[in-house]
Amino acid sequence: MFGTPIINQPEVAILGVGAVVKKPVVIEVEGGDTIAIKPMMYLTLSHDHRLVDGMLGGMFLKFIKDSLENFDVGSV
């Protein structure tokens, strides 16, 4: 489902993309929470901390996550 990529010189970072699998997850709806089956995927980011700060790496992963969750096929 996921792995941890290993960077080699001169690479700075590698984004690992896991398999998309259906999983039960809790989602918020009006009036409470419910369990739904949704496609889920793990993303991992390995980076050289001498060049990329951990906060920037986290912000990059959040940007990728938000972009995938809000992807609009009609705008492509």
Protein backbone atom coordinates (compact mmCIF):
# COMPACT_ATOMS: atom_id res chain seq x y z
CA MET A 1 0.00 0.00 0.00
CA PHE A 2 2.89 2.37 0.62
CA GLY A 3 6.63 2.52 0.87
CA THR A 4 9.34 4.91 1.94
CA PRO A 5 11.42 6.15 -1.00
CA ILE A 6 15.16 6.51 -0.42
CA ILE A 7 16.88 9.52 -1.93
CA ASN A 8 20.29 9.27 -3.56
CA GLN A 9 22.66 12.13 -4.31
CA PRO A 10 22.05 14.54 -6.07
CA GLU A 11 18.29 14.06 -5.44
CA VAL A 12 16.67 16.46 -2.99
CA ALA A 13 13.30 14.76 -2.52
CA ILE A 14 11.13 11.91 -3.75
CA LEU A 15 7.33 11.71 -3.53
CA GLY A 16 6.12 8.17 -2.92
CA VAL A 17 2.61 7.42 -4.21
CA GLY A 18 0.86 4.37 -2.80
CA ALA A 19 -1.95 2.28 -4.23
CA VAL A 20 -5.51 3.59 -4.24
CA VAL A 21 -7.70 1.25 -2.19
CA LYS A 22 -11.24 1.53 -0.86
CA LYS A 23 -11.36 1.91 2.93
CA PRO A 24 -14.04 2.71 5.51
CA VAL A 25 -13.48 6.24 6.81
CA VAL A 26 -15.34 8.65 9.08
CA ILE A 27 -16.65 11.72 7.26
CA GLU A 28 -18.40 14.78 8.68
CA VAL A 29 -21.94 15.44 7.50
CA GLU A 30 -24.57 17.88 8.70
CA GLY A 31 -25.64 16.76 12.14
CA GLY A 32 -22.73 14.43 12.91
CA ASP A 33 -20.34 11.86 11.57
CA THR A 34 -20.91 8.83 9.38
CA ILE A 35 -18.83 5.96 8.03
CA ALA A 36 -18.39 5.78 4.27
CA ILE A 37 -16.31 3.70 1.88
CA LYS A 38 -13.92 6.01 0.02
CA PRO A 39 -10.85 5.57 -2.17
CA MET A 40 -7.76 6.30 -0.05
CA MET A 41 -4.08 6.62 -0.97
CA TYR A 42 -0.91 7.07 1.07
CA LEU A 43 1.61 9.76 0.10
CA THR A 44 5.14 9.79 1.51
CA LEU A 45 7.85 12.37 1.05
CA SER A 46 11.52 11.65 1.64
CA HIS A 47 13.75 14.70 1.49
CA ASP A 48 17.21 15.91 2.42
CA HIS A 49 16.71 17.93 5.61
CA ARG A 50 19.86 19.90 4.86
CA LEU A 51 18.05 21.45 1.86
CA VAL A 52 14.33 21.17 2.60
CA ASP A 53 12.89 22.16 5.98
CA GLY A 54 10.38 19.69 7.43
CA MET A 55 7.70 22.39 7.55
CA LEU A 56 8.10 23.07 3.81
CA GLY A 57 7.90 19.33 3.08
CA GLY A 58 4.69 19.12 5.12
CA MET A 59 3.24 22.14 3.33
CA PHE A 60 4.04 20.49 -0.03
CA LEU A 61 2.28 17.26 1.01
CA LYS A 62 -0.75 19.26 2.21
CA PHE A 63 -0.87 21.10 -1.13
CA ILE A 64 -0.81 17.78 -3.03
CA LYS A 65 -3.50 16.34 -0.72
CA ASP A 66 -5.77 19.37 -1.10
CA SER A 67 -5.27 19.40 -4.89
CA LEU A 68 -6.22 15.73 -5.20
CA GLU A 69 -9.24 16.04 -2.89
CA ASN A 70 -10.59 19.06 -4.78
CA PHE A 71 -9.67 17.96 -8.32
CA ASP A 72 -12.17 19.13 -10.93
CA VAL A 73 -12.12 17.07 -14.14
CA GLY A 74 -14.05 19.79 -15.97
CA SER A 75 -11.21 22.32 -15.54
CA VAL A 76 -8.61 20.15 -17.29
